[in-house]
């Protein structure tokens, strides 16, 4: 690729990354992943002496073939990034059509999310409350299960984000999107107990805007939460590999199993696309099939 074209390509990619940051307001992690995929694509163009971005479906098919050893999820992400990139180029008047529109996505292996049963959640949340940390942990777990929030959203939660008058929490999620989720009576009870009676003892004479505090009087980290959760699961003899996201999956699954509307669950989880939420309906369907096994006529006739 000649030097002037290479410089133009780098300029266009930088413009695109600025667009992701300032106009679409994507997170730093998302932008970094897009940047990496674009860099791989740019290197492919360099190595194959491609001098124009008006390369269409055949070139992109060849590029994606170089990714065949990678997982369907990874290949699908490359396609998502390139499709978004070419759409940006169309809007800038640099190309006339999106070559990715003619490409099929790799067939995904759908894995059902892991979740806890209601009995396992009850066991996990049945914490013996002796120290300020016990009350903090109890409040955190109750809030996670009550709202389905992500661990990143939990550790960044600030005092002003909780509205105990209206029983809502303001959650700042992916892409700087805010959603308002109700908190139930049980989670509210333990949040208030922690906040009024035990959080001050963790802070001592310090202050913090963050709601959940670690042993150094600062914001609790994701790693600190994971460590606490693993220890609690071991204590409760819960054999499943439990992460904060498993509690999020449990929240969604239990709501749907008890008759919640899919669109409502989508809003509560902060999913921009309902297809992301629909994965939980598969869990519900699997449970229905399993329970249907007990139907008295659901047996093979004996010869």
Foldseek 3Di string as FASTA:
>chain_A
DDPVLLVVLVVLVVVLLVCCCPPLNFDPVVSVVLVVLVVLVSVVCVVVVPRAPQDAQVVVVVSLVVVVVPALVVSQVSLVSLQSSVVVCCVVVNYPDRRSVPDDRPDHDDDQAAADDPVVLVLLLPFDDDALVSLLLNLLSLQCLQQLEDPVQQLQAFPVQADLVVQWGWTQDGSRDIAITGHDPVSSVSLVCSQPPRLCVQQPPHDDRTSRADNVNYGDDLVNSQVVSVVSCVVSVPPDPDHSNNSSLHSLLVCVLVPHDLVVNCRSNVPPDSVVSCSSVVVSVVVVVVVCCPPPPNDDDDD
